[in-house]
Amino acid sequence: MSAPTGDSSPLDFLATLVRQQRVALGFRSKEAAAEACGLSHMPYRNVEAGRPVSALTYTKIEQGLKLAPGACRHVLDGGDSLLLADGTELIVRARLRNHDLSHLPEDLRAGMMSAASATAPDLSLGQADDMTRRVLEYLKERGYPLKGE
């Protein structure tokens, strides 16, 4: 498969994937991720800004962010995902970049309430709302661009 088309370059696509993986691993700042990768802040920031860096920098990012060896090169060569060290693929939210997610929180709430009433009729409105809130928090922590929240 090839990377999403449009105005996104492979460097921009890699930047989005790296940023998503950083968030998924719980690094709240680029500096913390850079330290975990054994890099100074500028080379790491360059990657997340979509600027080219050395092969060694990409290798350190792969190691520090738990990516498979060669994962960055794969994306730069046109791949549409990063392979994680555990063998799973990170297919980015970047594919969702062109979608309007501004209504997702309300749509998710309505869907969760409908599912709760159909599958767990004894669940209180407060419990169903709490469950929905937790799902939205989970998605936000993983880097999904939830607008309107």
N, C-alpha and C. Protein backbone atom coordinates (compact mmCIF):
# COMPACT_ATOMS: atom_id res chain seq x y z
N MET A 1 0.84 -1.18 0.00
CA MET A 1 0.00 0.00 0.00
C MET A 1 0.88 1.24 0.00
N SER A 2 0.34 2.31 -0.44
CA SER A 2 1.11 3.54 -0.45
C SER A 2 0.51 4.53 0.51
N ALA A 3 1.30 5.53 0.86
CA ALA A 3 0.85 6.55 1.81
C ALA A 3 -0.32 7.30 1.23
N PRO A 4 -1.13 7.91 2.11
CA PRO A 4 -2.28 8.67 1.64
C PRO A 4 -1.85 9.74 0.66
N THR A 5 -2.68 9.97 -0.32
CA THR A 5 -2.37 10.98 -1.31
C THR A 5 -2.83 12.34 -0.82
N GLY A 6 -2.59 13.34 -1.61
CA GLY A 6 -2.96 14.70 -1.22
C GLY A 6 -1.72 15.54 -1.08
N ASP A 7 -1.78 16.55 -0.25
CA ASP A 7 -0.65 17.45 -0.11
C ASP A 7 0.34 16.97 0.94
N SER A 8 0.17 15.76 1.44
CA SER A 8 1.04 15.22 2.48
C SER A 8 2.24 14.52 1.86
N SER A 9 3.43 14.96 2.21
CA SER A 9 4.65 14.30 1.74
C SER A 9 4.95 13.12 2.66
N PRO A 10 5.82 12.20 2.22
CA PRO A 10 6.22 11.10 3.12
C PRO A 10 6.82 11.61 4.43
N LEU A 11 7.55 12.72 4.39
CA LEU A 11 8.11 13.28 5.62
C LEU A 11 7.00 13.77 6.56
N ASP A 12 5.97 14.41 6.00
CA ASP A 12 4.85 14.87 6.81
C ASP A 12 4.08 13.68 7.38
N PHE A 13 3.91 12.66 6.55
CA PHE A 13 3.19 11.47 7.00
C PHE A 13 3.96 10.78 8.13
N LEU A 14 5.29 10.67 7.98
CA LEU A 14 6.11 10.09 9.03
C LEU A 14 6.01 10.92 10.30
N ALA A 15 6.02 12.24 10.17
CA ALA A 15 5.90 13.12 11.34
C ALA A 15 4.61 12.83 12.09
N THR A 16 3.52 12.65 11.36
CA THR A 16 2.23 12.36 12.00
C THR A 16 2.27 11.02 12.71
N LEU A 17 2.85 10.01 12.05
CA LEU A 17 2.96 8.69 12.67
C LEU A 17 3.82 8.71 13.92
N VAL A 18 4.95 9.39 13.85
CA VAL A 18 5.86 9.48 15.00
C VAL A 18 5.16 10.21 16.15
N ARG A 19 4.48 11.30 15.84
CA ARG A 19 3.75 12.04 16.87
C ARG A 19 2.68 11.16 17.52
N GLN A 20 1.96 10.40 16.71
CA GLN A 20 0.93 9.51 17.25
C GLN A 20 1.55 8.46 18.16
N GLN A 21 2.66 7.89 17.75
CA GLN A 21 3.31 6.87 18.58
C GLN A 21 3.84 7.48 19.87
N ARG A 22 4.38 8.70 19.79
CA ARG A 22 4.85 9.38 21.01
C ARG A 22 3.71 9.52 22.01
N VAL A 23 2.57 9.98 21.54
CA VAL A 23 1.40 10.16 22.41
C VAL A 23 0.93 8.81 22.95
N ALA A 24 0.90 7.80 22.10
CA ALA A 24 0.45 6.47 22.52
C ALA A 24 1.34 5.90 23.62
N LEU A 25 2.63 6.24 23.58
CA LEU A 25 3.57 5.76 24.60
C LEU A 25 3.54 6.60 25.87
N GLY A 26 2.79 7.69 25.85
CA GLY A 26 2.65 8.50 27.05
C GLY A 26 3.66 9.62 27.20
N PHE A 27 4.44 9.90 26.17
CA PHE A 27 5.38 11.02 26.24
C PHE A 27 4.60 12.29 25.98
N ARG A 28 4.47 13.13 26.98
CA ARG A 28 3.68 14.36 26.85
C ARG A 28 4.42 15.46 26.09
N SER A 29 5.73 15.34 26.03
CA SER A 29 6.49 16.38 25.34
C SER A 29 7.45 15.75 24.35
N LYS A 30 7.83 16.54 23.37
CA LYS A 30 8.82 16.10 22.39
C LYS A 30 10.16 15.89 23.08
N GLU A 31 10.44 16.72 24.08
CA GLU A 31 11.71 16.61 24.80
C GLU A 31 11.83 15.26 25.51
N ALA A 32 10.73 14.83 26.15
CA ALA A 32 10.74 13.53 26.84
C ALA A 32 10.95 12.40 25.84
N ALA A 33 10.31 12.49 24.69
CA ALA A 33 10.50 11.46 23.66
C ALA A 33 11.93 11.49 23.13
N ALA A 34 12.47 12.68 22.92
CA ALA A 34 13.85 12.79 22.44
C ALA A 34 14.81 12.12 23.41
N GLU A 35 14.62 12.35 24.69
CA GLU A 35 15.48 11.73 25.70
C GLU A 35 15.35 10.22 25.67
N ALA A 36 14.13 9.71 25.53
CA ALA A 36 13.91 8.26 25.47
C ALA A 36 14.59 7.65 24.24
N CYS A 37 14.74 8.46 23.20
CA CYS A 37 15.37 7.99 21.96
C CYS A 37 16.89 8.20 21.98
N GLY A 38 17.39 8.86 23.01
CA GLY A 38 18.83 9.13 23.08
C GLY A 38 19.26 10.22 22.11
N LEU A 39 18.35 11.17 21.87
CA LEU A 39 18.60 12.26 20.93
C LEU A 39 18.54 13.60 21.65
N SER A 40 19.20 14.58 21.06
CA SER A 40 18.99 15.94 21.54
C SER A 40 17.64 16.39 20.99
N HIS A 41 17.13 17.47 21.51
CA HIS A 41 15.78 17.90 21.19
C HIS A 41 15.59 18.29 19.72
N MET A 42 16.59 18.92 19.12
CA MET A 42 16.41 19.43 17.75
C MET A 42 16.23 18.33 16.70
N PRO A 43 17.05 17.28 16.69
CA PRO A 43 16.80 16.24 15.68
C PRO A 43 15.41 15.62 15.83
N TYR A 44 14.99 15.41 17.08
CA TYR A 44 13.66 14.83 17.28
C TYR A 44 12.58 15.80 16.79
N ARG A 45 12.71 17.07 17.14
CA ARG A 45 11.74 18.08 16.70
C ARG A 45 11.69 18.15 15.16
N ASN A 46 12.85 18.00 14.52
CA ASN A 46 12.88 18.01 13.06
C ASN A 46 12.02 16.88 12.48
N VAL A 47 12.08 15.71 13.08
CA VAL A 47 11.27 14.59 12.59
C VAL A 47 9.79 14.93 12.71
N GLU A 48 9.37 15.42 13.88
CA GLU A 48 7.95 15.74 14.07
C GLU A 48 7.52 16.97 13.26
N ALA A 49 8.48 17.73 12.77
CA ALA A 49 8.16 18.88 11.90
C ALA A 49 8.17 18.49 10.43
N GLY A 50 8.49 17.23 10.14
CA GLY A 50 8.49 16.78 8.76
C GLY A 50 9.73 17.18 7.99
N ARG A 51 10.83 17.38 8.71
CA ARG A 51 12.10 17.71 8.04
C ARG A 51 13.00 16.48 8.03
N PRO A 52 13.83 16.34 7.00
CA PRO A 52 14.71 15.16 6.91
C PRO A 52 15.80 15.20 7.98
N VAL A 53 16.17 14.02 8.44
CA VAL A 53 17.25 13.87 9.41
C VAL A 53 18.13 12.71 8.96
N SER A 54 19.17 12.43 9.70
CA SER A 54 20.10 11.35 9.32
C SER A 54 19.48 9.98 9.56
N ALA A 55 20.05 8.99 8.91
CA ALA A 55 19.61 7.60 9.09
C ALA A 55 19.78 7.18 10.55
N LEU A 56 20.84 7.65 11.20
CA LEU A 56 21.07 7.32 12.60
C LEU A 56 19.95 7.87 13.48
N THR A 57 19.48 9.08 13.18
CA THR A 57 18.37 9.66 13.95
C THR A 57 17.12 8.81 13.80
N TYR A 58 16.82 8.38 12.58
CA TYR A 58 15.66 7.51 12.38
C TYR A 58 15.81 6.20 13.15
N THR A 59 17.02 5.65 13.16
CA THR A 59 17.27 4.41 13.90
C THR A 59 17.02 4.61 15.39
N LYS A 60 17.50 5.73 15.93
CA LYS A 60 17.29 6.00 17.36
C LYS A 60 15.81 6.21 17.67
N ILE A 61 15.08 6.84 16.76
CA ILE A 61 13.64 7.02 16.96
C ILE A 61 12.93 5.67 16.95
N GLU A 62 13.33 4.80 16.04
CA GLU A 62 12.75 3.46 16.00
C GLU A 62 12.98 2.73 17.31
N GLN A 63 14.18 2.82 17.84
CA GLN A 63 14.49 2.15 19.10
C GLN A 63 13.74 2.77 20.27
N GLY A 64 13.76 4.08 20.36
CA GLY A 64 13.15 4.77 21.50
C GLY A 64 11.64 4.74 21.51
N LEU A 65 11.02 4.69 20.32
CA LEU A 65 9.56 4.68 20.24
C LEU A 65 8.99 3.28 19.98
N LYS A 66 9.85 2.27 20.16
CA LYS A 66 9.43 0.87 20.04
C LYS A 66 8.87 0.53 18.66
N LEU A 67 9.60 0.99 17.64
CA LEU A 67 9.25 0.70 16.26
C LEU A 67 10.16 -0.41 15.76
N ALA A 68 9.71 -1.11 14.75
CA ALA A 68 10.54 -2.16 14.14
C ALA A 68 11.69 -1.49 13.39
N PRO A 69 12.85 -2.16 13.32
CA PRO A 69 13.95 -1.61 12.53
C PRO A 69 13.52 -1.38 11.09
N GLY A 70 13.86 -0.22 10.54
CA GLY A 70 13.52 0.12 9.16
C GLY A 70 12.13 0.70 8.98
N ALA A 71 11.38 0.87 10.07
CA ALA A 71 10.00 1.37 9.97
C ALA A 71 9.95 2.78 9.39
N CYS A 72 10.86 3.64 9.79
CA CYS A 72 10.86 5.01 9.26
C CYS A 72 11.17 5.01 7.77
N ARG A 73 12.15 4.23 7.36
CA ARG A 73 12.51 4.16 5.93
C ARG A 73 11.32 3.66 5.12
N HIS A 74 10.59 2.70 5.67
CA HIS A 74 9.40 2.16 4.99
C HIS A 74 8.41 3.28 4.67
N VAL A 75 8.15 4.14 5.63
CA VAL A 75 7.21 5.26 5.42
C VAL A 75 7.79 6.25 4.43
N LEU A 76 9.07 6.56 4.56
CA LEU A 76 9.70 7.51 3.64
C LEU A 76 9.72 6.99 2.20
N ASP A 77 9.69 5.66 2.07
CA ASP A 77 9.66 5.05 0.74
C ASP A 77 8.23 4.90 0.21
N GLY A 78 7.25 5.45 0.93
CA GLY A 78 5.87 5.43 0.45
C GLY A 78 4.92 4.53 1.20
N GLY A 79 5.39 3.85 2.25
CA GLY A 79 4.51 2.98 3.02
C GLY A 79 3.45 3.77 3.77
N ASP A 80 2.34 3.10 4.08
CA ASP A 80 1.23 3.79 4.73
C ASP A 80 1.11 3.47 6.21
N SER A 81 2.12 2.81 6.79
CA SER A 81 2.05 2.48 8.20
C SER A 81 3.45 2.30 8.76
N LEU A 82 3.53 2.36 10.09
CA LEU A 82 4.76 2.05 10.79
C LEU A 82 4.59 0.68 11.41
N LEU A 83 5.60 -0.13 11.32
CA LEU A 83 5.56 -1.43 11.98
C LEU A 83 6.16 -1.25 13.37
N LEU A 84 5.40 -1.65 14.39
CA LEU A 84 5.89 -1.55 15.75
C LEU A 84 6.78 -2.75 16.07
N ALA A 85 7.59 -2.61 17.11
CA ALA A 85 8.51 -3.67 17.49
C ALA A 85 7.79 -4.97 17.82
N ASP A 86 6.55 -4.88 18.30
CA ASP A 86 5.80 -6.09 18.64
C ASP A 86 5.12 -6.74 17.43
N GLY A 87 5.34 -6.17 16.24
CA GLY A 87 4.80 -6.75 15.02
C GLY A 87 3.47 -6.17 14.56
N THR A 88 2.87 -5.30 15.36
CA THR A 88 1.61 -4.70 14.94
C THR A 88 1.89 -3.49 14.07
N GLU A 89 0.90 -3.12 13.27
CA GLU A 89 1.04 -1.96 12.39
C GLU A 89 0.36 -0.75 12.99
N LEU A 90 1.01 0.37 12.87
CA LEU A 90 0.42 1.64 13.28
C LEU A 90 -0.05 2.33 12.01
N ILE A 91 -1.35 2.22 11.74
CA ILE A 91 -1.94 2.89 10.59
C ILE A 91 -2.59 4.13 11.12
N VAL A 92 -2.03 5.20 10.74
CA VAL A 92 -2.24 6.45 11.42
C VAL A 92 -3.58 7.10 11.28
N ARG A 93 -3.87 7.88 12.25
CA ARG A 93 -5.02 8.77 12.19
C ARG A 93 -4.84 9.76 11.05
N ALA A 94 -3.63 9.84 10.51
CA ALA A 94 -3.39 10.75 9.39
C ALA A 94 -4.36 10.45 8.26
N ARG A 95 -4.78 9.22 8.16
CA ARG A 95 -5.78 8.89 7.15
C ARG A 95 -7.09 9.60 7.45
N LEU A 96 -7.32 9.90 8.70
CA LEU A 96 -8.54 10.58 9.09
C LEU A 96 -8.40 12.09 9.00
N ARG A 97 -7.24 12.55 8.68
CA ARG A 97 -6.93 13.97 8.68
C ARG A 97 -7.91 14.78 7.83
N ASN A 98 -8.37 14.21 6.73
CA ASN A 98 -9.28 14.94 5.85
C ASN A 98 -10.74 14.78 6.23
N HIS A 99 -11.02 14.00 7.24
CA HIS A 99 -12.39 13.80 7.68
C HIS A 99 -12.74 14.83 8.73
N ASP A 100 -13.99 15.26 8.73
CA ASP A 100 -14.46 16.20 9.74
C ASP A 100 -14.87 15.40 10.97
N LEU A 101 -14.08 15.49 12.03
CA LEU A 101 -14.38 14.76 13.25
C LEU A 101 -15.04 15.66 14.30
N SER A 102 -15.51 16.82 13.88
CA SER A 102 -16.06 17.76 14.85
C SER A 102 -17.31 17.22 15.53
N HIS A 103 -18.02 16.30 14.89
CA HIS A 103 -19.24 15.77 15.48
C HIS A 103 -19.02 14.42 16.16
N LEU A 104 -17.79 13.91 16.15
CA LEU A 104 -17.55 12.59 16.72
C LEU A 104 -17.95 12.49 18.19
N PRO A 105 -17.60 13.46 19.04
CA PRO A 105 -18.01 13.31 20.45
C PRO A 105 -19.52 13.14 20.61
N GLU A 106 -20.33 13.95 19.92
CA GLU A 106 -21.79 13.83 20.05
C GLU A 106 -22.28 12.52 19.42
N ASP A 107 -21.71 12.15 18.26
CA ASP A 107 -22.11 10.91 17.61
C ASP A 107 -21.76 9.70 18.48
N LEU A 108 -20.57 9.75 19.09
CA LEU A 108 -20.15 8.66 19.95
C LEU A 108 -21.06 8.56 21.17
N ARG A 109 -21.42 9.69 21.76
CA ARG A 109 -22.34 9.68 22.91
C ARG A 109 -23.68 9.04 22.52
N ALA A 110 -24.24 9.47 21.38
CA ALA A 110 -25.52 8.93 20.94
C ALA A 110 -25.41 7.43 20.67
N GLY A 111 -24.32 7.01 20.03
CA GLY A 111 -24.13 5.60 19.75
C GLY A 111 -23.95 4.77 21.01
N MET A 112 -23.19 5.30 21.96
CA MET A 112 -22.96 4.60 23.23
C MET A 112 -24.27 4.47 24.01
N MET A 113 -25.07 5.53 24.04
CA MET A 113 -26.34 5.50 24.76
C MET A 113 -27.29 4.48 24.12
N SER A 114 -27.32 4.46 22.80
CA SER A 114 -28.17 3.51 22.09
C SER A 114 -27.73 2.08 22.37
N ALA A 115 -26.42 1.84 22.30
CA ALA A 115 -25.90 0.50 22.56
C ALA A 115 -26.14 0.09 24.01
N ALA A 116 -25.96 1.02 24.94
CA ALA A 116 -26.18 0.71 26.35
C ALA A 116 -27.63 0.33 26.62
N SER A 117 -28.57 1.08 26.05
CA SER A 117 -29.98 0.78 26.31
C SER A 117 -30.39 -0.54 25.66
N ALA A 118 -29.76 -0.90 24.54
CA ALA A 118 -30.11 -2.14 23.86
C ALA A 118 -29.46 -3.36 24.50
N THR A 119 -28.27 -3.22 25.04
CA THR A 119 -27.54 -4.38 25.54
C THR A 119 -27.49 -4.47 27.06
N ALA A 120 -27.65 -3.35 27.73
CA ALA A 120 -27.60 -3.33 29.20
C ALA A 120 -28.68 -2.41 29.73
N PRO A 121 -29.95 -2.83 29.63
CA PRO A 121 -31.05 -1.95 30.01
C PRO A 121 -31.03 -1.52 31.47
N ASP A 122 -30.32 -2.25 32.32
CA ASP A 122 -30.25 -1.88 33.74
C ASP A 122 -29.17 -0.84 34.02
N LEU A 123 -28.38 -0.50 33.02
CA LEU A 123 -27.34 0.51 33.17
C LEU A 123 -28.01 1.87 33.33
N SER A 124 -27.59 2.62 34.33
CA SER A 124 -28.19 3.93 34.54
C SER A 124 -27.67 4.92 33.51
N LEU A 125 -28.40 6.01 33.34
CA LEU A 125 -27.98 7.07 32.42
C LEU A 125 -26.61 7.61 32.83
N GLY A 126 -26.40 7.78 34.12
CA GLY A 126 -25.11 8.26 34.63
C GLY A 126 -23.98 7.31 34.32
N GLN A 127 -24.22 6.01 34.46
CA GLN A 127 -23.19 5.01 34.16
C GLN A 127 -22.87 5.01 32.66
N ALA A 128 -23.90 5.09 31.85
CA ALA A 128 -23.68 5.11 30.40
C ALA A 128 -22.91 6.37 29.99
N ASP A 129 -23.25 7.50 30.60
CA ASP A 129 -22.54 8.75 30.30
C ASP A 129 -21.09 8.66 30.76
N ASP A 130 -20.85 8.07 31.92
CA ASP A 130 -19.48 7.91 32.43
C ASP A 130 -18.67 7.01 31.50
N MET A 131 -19.29 5.94 31.01
CA MET A 131 -18.62 5.05 30.07
C MET A 131 -18.24 5.80 28.79
N THR A 132 -19.15 6.61 28.29
CA THR A 132 -18.88 7.39 27.08
C THR A 132 -17.74 8.37 27.32
N ARG A 133 -17.75 9.05 28.46
CA ARG A 133 -16.69 10.00 28.79
C ARG A 133 -15.33 9.30 28.81
N ARG A 134 -15.30 8.10 29.38
CA ARG A 134 -14.04 7.36 29.46
C ARG A 134 -13.54 6.93 28.07
N VAL A 135 -14.46 6.55 27.21
CA VAL A 135 -14.07 6.19 25.84
C VAL A 135 -13.48 7.41 25.13
N LEU A 136 -14.11 8.57 25.28
CA LEU A 136 -13.59 9.80 24.66
C LEU A 136 -12.21 10.15 25.21
N GLU A 137 -12.01 9.99 26.51
CA GLU A 137 -10.70 10.26 27.10
C GLU A 137 -9.66 9.30 26.55
N TYR A 138 -10.03 8.04 26.41
CA TYR A 138 -9.14 7.03 25.86
C TYR A 138 -8.69 7.42 24.45
N LEU A 139 -9.65 7.82 23.61
CA LEU A 139 -9.33 8.21 22.24
C LEU A 139 -8.44 9.45 22.21
N LYS A 140 -8.72 10.43 23.06
CA LYS A 140 -7.90 11.64 23.11
C LYS A 140 -6.46 11.32 23.52
N GLU A 141 -6.30 10.44 24.52
CA GLU A 141 -4.97 10.06 24.98
C GLU A 141 -4.16 9.40 23.88
N ARG A 142 -4.82 8.78 22.97
CA ARG A 142 -4.13 8.09 21.87
C ARG A 142 -3.97 8.98 20.64
N GLY A 143 -4.33 10.24 20.78
CA GLY A 143 -4.03 11.20 19.73
C GLY A 143 -5.10 11.42 18.70
N TYR A 144 -6.29 10.89 18.89
CA TYR A 144 -7.36 11.16 17.92
C TYR A 144 -7.78 12.61 18.01
N PRO A 145 -7.96 13.24 16.87
CA PRO A 145 -8.26 14.68 16.84
C PRO A 145 -9.75 14.94 17.09
N LEU A 146 -10.14 14.92 18.35
CA LEU A 146 -11.55 15.11 18.69
C LEU A 146 -11.82 16.59 18.86
N LYS A 147 -12.47 17.16 17.85
CA LYS A 147 -12.81 18.58 17.88
C LYS A 147 -14.09 18.77 18.67
N GLY A 148 -14.26 19.94 19.21
CA GLY A 148 -15.49 20.26 19.91
C GLY A 148 -15.57 19.69 21.30
N GLU A 149 -14.50 19.12 21.79
CA GLU A 149 -14.49 18.56 23.13
C GLU A 149 -13.69 19.42 24.05
